[in-house]
Amino acid sequence: SVGLLVALDVLINNVDRVPLLWDNEGNTGNLMLMLDEENEGALPSVVGIDQAVVAVVDGFVPGRQRYLDRVSKLTRAMFCGSWDVDALSPSRVAANEAAHRAAEERAAAEKLAAEKL
């Protein structure tokens, strides 16, 4: 249950609960456990309080690309079972460079479209 809540926090960019994605202390007090008083053997339920949805845009710190880079690193670490993923392999470097170029092109296209409005 904690993992599901942390995954939601990554998706909504909630920087204030578990410091998984960002370099902050977090506030694990926003992670509550609820006991089932009728069933003593049941595991506690996890309840998240004080949700914060933080916009992920290029003009706002931390910025969309930085967020996407961190989510990408987290995802690779989860699927590889280690933070020490071979991030410098030639194919991974090429894929990362292509992704960065595509993101820059998309941002430029979005900016151009916004200027036309």
C-alpha atoms as a PDB file:
ATOM      1  CA  SER A   1       0.000   0.000   0.000  1.00  0.00           C
ATOM      2  CA  VAL A   2       2.855   2.387   0.727  1.00  0.00           C
ATOM      3  CA  GLY A   3       4.324   1.660  -2.696  1.00  0.00           C
ATOM      4  CA  LEU A   4       1.052   2.539  -4.416  1.00  0.00           C
ATOM      5  CA  LEU A   5       0.853   5.812  -2.534  1.00  0.00           C
ATOM      6  CA  VAL A   6       4.472   6.654  -3.359  1.00  0.00           C
ATOM      7  CA  ALA A   7       3.806   5.851  -7.036  1.00  0.00           C
ATOM      8  CA  LEU A   8       0.854   8.251  -6.950  1.00  0.00           C
ATOM      9  CA  ASP A   9       3.100  10.892  -5.367  1.00  0.00           C
ATOM     10  CA  VAL A  10       5.571  10.508  -8.246  1.00  0.00           C
ATOM     11  CA  LEU A  11       2.751  10.828 -10.779  1.00  0.00           C
ATOM     12  CA  ILE A  12       1.292  13.990  -9.211  1.00  0.00           C
ATOM     13  CA  ASN A  13       4.747  15.320  -8.291  1.00  0.00           C
ATOM     14  CA  ASN A  14       3.875  15.471  -4.591  1.00  0.00           C
ATOM     15  CA  VAL A  15       7.174  16.605  -3.109  1.00  0.00           C
ATOM     16  CA  ASP A  16       5.909  16.774   0.457  1.00  0.00           C
ATOM     17  CA  ARG A  17       5.432  13.181   1.624  1.00  0.00           C
ATOM     18  CA  VAL A  18       8.186  10.681   0.828  1.00  0.00           C
ATOM     19  CA  PRO A  19      11.493  12.092  -0.478  1.00  0.00           C
ATOM     20  CA  LEU A  20      11.873   9.571  -3.285  1.00  0.00           C
ATOM     21  CA  LEU A  21      12.095  11.821  -6.325  1.00  0.00           C
ATOM     22  CA  TRP A  22      13.386  15.109  -4.948  1.00  0.00           C
ATOM     23  CA  ASP A  23      16.195  16.162  -2.633  1.00  0.00           C
ATOM     24  CA  ASN A  24      14.175  17.192   0.371  1.00  0.00           C
ATOM     25  CA  GLU A  25      13.337  15.810   3.791  1.00  0.00           C
ATOM     26  CA  GLY A  26       9.728  15.032   2.954  1.00  0.00           C
ATOM     27  CA  ASN A  27       7.061  14.759   5.596  1.00  0.00           C
ATOM     28  CA  THR A  28       6.319  11.152   6.444  1.00  0.00           C
ATOM     29  CA  GLY A  29       3.763  12.486   8.937  1.00  0.00           C
ATOM     30  CA  ASN A  30       1.530  12.757   5.853  1.00  0.00           C
ATOM     31  CA  LEU A  31       1.585   8.966   5.675  1.00  0.00           C
ATOM     32  CA  MET A  32      -0.890   7.560   8.180  1.00  0.00           C
ATOM     33  CA  LEU A  33      -1.618   3.978   9.178  1.00  0.00           C
ATOM     34  CA  MET A  34      -5.152   2.940  10.026  1.00  0.00           C
ATOM     35  CA  LEU A  35      -5.755  -0.217  12.062  1.00  0.00           C
ATOM     36  CA  ASP A  36      -8.788  -2.422  11.540  1.00  0.00           C
ATOM     37  CA  GLU A  37     -10.118  -2.727  15.075  1.00  0.00           C
ATOM     38  CA  GLU A  38     -12.510  -5.526  14.097  1.00  0.00           C
ATOM     39  CA  ASN A  39      -9.771  -7.734  12.622  1.00  0.00           C
ATOM     40  CA  GLU A  40      -6.662  -7.860  14.813  1.00  0.00           C
ATOM     41  CA  GLY A  41      -4.693  -9.931  12.291  1.00  0.00           C
ATOM     42  CA  ALA A  42      -5.225  -7.532   9.397  1.00  0.00           C
ATOM     43  CA  LEU A  43      -2.411  -5.368   8.138  1.00  0.00           C
ATOM     44  CA  PRO A  44      -2.873  -1.651   8.689  1.00  0.00           C
ATOM     45  CA  SER A  45      -4.274   0.393   5.823  1.00  0.00           C
ATOM     46  CA  VAL A  46      -2.151   3.230   4.497  1.00  0.00           C
ATOM     47  CA  VAL A  47      -3.773   6.634   4.190  1.00  0.00           C
ATOM     48  CA  GLY A  48      -2.138   9.632   2.578  1.00  0.00           C
ATOM     49  CA  ILE A  49      -3.044  13.057   3.889  1.00  0.00           C
ATOM     50  CA  ASP A  50      -2.180  16.588   2.782  1.00  0.00           C
ATOM     51  CA  GLN A  51      -1.742  15.767  -0.908  1.00  0.00           C
ATOM     52  CA  ALA A  52       0.021  18.375  -2.999  1.00  0.00           C
ATOM     53  CA  VAL A  53      -0.113  18.391  -6.773  1.00  0.00           C
ATOM     54  CA  VAL A  54       2.839  20.356  -8.138  1.00  0.00           C
ATOM     55  CA  ALA A  55       2.752  21.502 -11.753  1.00  0.00           C
ATOM     56  CA  VAL A  56       5.548  20.212 -13.945  1.00  0.00           C
ATOM     57  CA  VAL A  57       6.320  22.905 -16.495  1.00  0.00           C
ATOM     58  CA  ASP A  58       9.520  24.160 -18.074  1.00  0.00           C
ATOM     59  CA  GLY A  59       9.276  27.691 -16.738  1.00  0.00           C
ATOM     60  CA  PHE A  60       8.864  26.594 -13.125  1.00  0.00           C
ATOM     61  CA  VAL A  61      11.476  25.061 -10.851  1.00  0.00           C
ATOM     62  CA  PRO A  62      12.078  22.076 -10.876  1.00  0.00           C
ATOM     63  CA  GLY A  63      11.165  21.996 -14.550  1.00  0.00           C
ATOM     64  CA  ARG A  64       9.654  19.334 -16.748  1.00  0.00           C
ATOM     65  CA  GLN A  65      12.913  17.883 -18.084  1.00  0.00           C
ATOM     66  CA  ARG A  66      14.430  17.520 -14.624  1.00  0.00           C
ATOM     67  CA  TYR A  67      11.231  15.811 -13.407  1.00  0.00           C
ATOM     68  CA  LEU A  68      11.201  13.456 -16.401  1.00  0.00           C
ATOM     69  CA  ASP A  69      14.903  12.652 -15.928  1.00  0.00           C
ATOM     70  CA  ARG A  70      14.313  11.741 -12.287  1.00  0.00           C
ATOM     71  CA  VAL A  71      11.222   9.655 -13.073  1.00  0.00           C
ATOM     72  CA  SER A  72      13.216   7.882 -15.783  1.00  0.00           C
ATOM     73  CA  LYS A  73      16.066   7.122 -13.381  1.00  0.00           C
ATOM     74  CA  LEU A  74      13.608   5.899 -10.733  1.00  0.00           C
ATOM     75  CA  THR A  75      11.849   3.670 -13.265  1.00  0.00           C
ATOM     76  CA  ARG A  76      15.120   2.149 -14.488  1.00  0.00           C
ATOM     77  CA  ALA A  77      16.212   1.526 -10.896  1.00  0.00           C
ATOM     78  CA  MET A  78      12.908  -0.149 -10.069  1.00  0.00           C
ATOM     79  CA  PHE A  79      13.003  -2.491 -13.042  1.00  0.00           C
ATOM     80  CA  CYS A  80      16.724  -3.235 -12.714  1.00  0.00           C
ATOM     81  CA  GLY A  81      16.596  -3.624  -8.942  1.00  0.00           C
ATOM     82  CA  SER A  82      19.436  -1.164  -8.369  1.00  0.00           C
ATOM     83  CA  TRP A  83      20.266   2.534  -8.517  1.00  0.00           C
ATOM     84  CA  ASP A  84      23.559   1.504 -10.142  1.00  0.00           C
ATOM     85  CA  VAL A  85      22.037   1.040 -13.581  1.00  0.00           C
ATOM     86  CA  ASP A  86      24.375   1.036 -16.547  1.00  0.00           C
ATOM     87  CA  ALA A  87      23.385   4.566 -17.473  1.00  0.00           C
ATOM     88  CA  LEU A  88      26.461   5.131 -19.640  1.00  0.00           C
ATOM     89  CA  SER A  89      26.101   2.251 -22.079  1.00  0.00           C
ATOM     90  CA  PRO A  90      26.330   3.516 -25.679  1.00  0.00           C
ATOM     91  CA  SER A  91      22.771   2.486 -26.542  1.00  0.00           C
ATOM     92  CA  ARG A  92      21.371   4.124 -23.402  1.00  0.00           C
ATOM     93  CA  VAL A  93      23.337   7.329 -24.042  1.00  0.00           C
ATOM     94  CA  ALA A  94      22.031   7.431 -27.615  1.00  0.00           C
ATOM     95  CA  ALA A  95      18.462   6.814 -26.433  1.00  0.00           C
ATOM     96  CA  ASN A  96      18.754   9.528 -23.782  1.00  0.00           C
ATOM     97  CA  GLU A  97      20.149  12.004 -26.308  1.00  0.00           C
ATOM     98  CA  ALA A  98      17.315  11.212 -28.725  1.00  0.00           C
ATOM     99  CA  ALA A  99      14.762  11.677 -25.935  1.00  0.00           C
ATOM    100  CA  HIS A 100      16.302  15.023 -24.970  1.00  0.00           C
ATOM    101  CA  ARG A 101      16.280  16.192 -28.598  1.00  0.00           C
ATOM    102  CA  ALA A 102      12.637  15.144 -28.973  1.00  0.00           C
ATOM    103  CA  ALA A 103      11.727  16.966 -25.745  1.00  0.00           C
ATOM    104  CA  GLU A 104      13.498  20.118 -26.950  1.00  0.00           C
ATOM    105  CA  GLU A 105      11.755  19.933 -30.325  1.00  0.00           C
ATOM    106  CA  ARG A 106       8.380  19.409 -28.629  1.00  0.00           C
ATOM    107  CA  ALA A 107       9.008  22.360 -26.278  1.00  0.00           C
ATOM    108  CA  ALA A 108       9.988  24.561 -29.226  1.00  0.00           C
ATOM    109  CA  ALA A 109       6.844  23.522 -31.127  1.00  0.00           C
ATOM    110  CA  GLU A 110       4.680  24.215 -28.063  1.00  0.00           C
ATOM    111  CA  LYS A 111       6.303  27.636 -27.635  1.00  0.00           C
ATOM    112  CA  LEU A 112       5.764  28.473 -31.309  1.00  0.00           C
ATOM    113  CA  ALA A 113       2.121  27.368 -31.102  1.00  0.00           C
ATOM    114  CA  ALA A 114       1.618  29.497 -27.968  1.00  0.00           C
ATOM    115  CA  GLU A 115       3.151  32.530 -29.682  1.00  0.00           C
ATOM    116  CA  LYS A 116       0.723  32.152 -32.610  1.00  0.00           C
ATOM    117  CA  LEU A 117      -2.228  32.396 -30.217  1.00  0.00           C
END
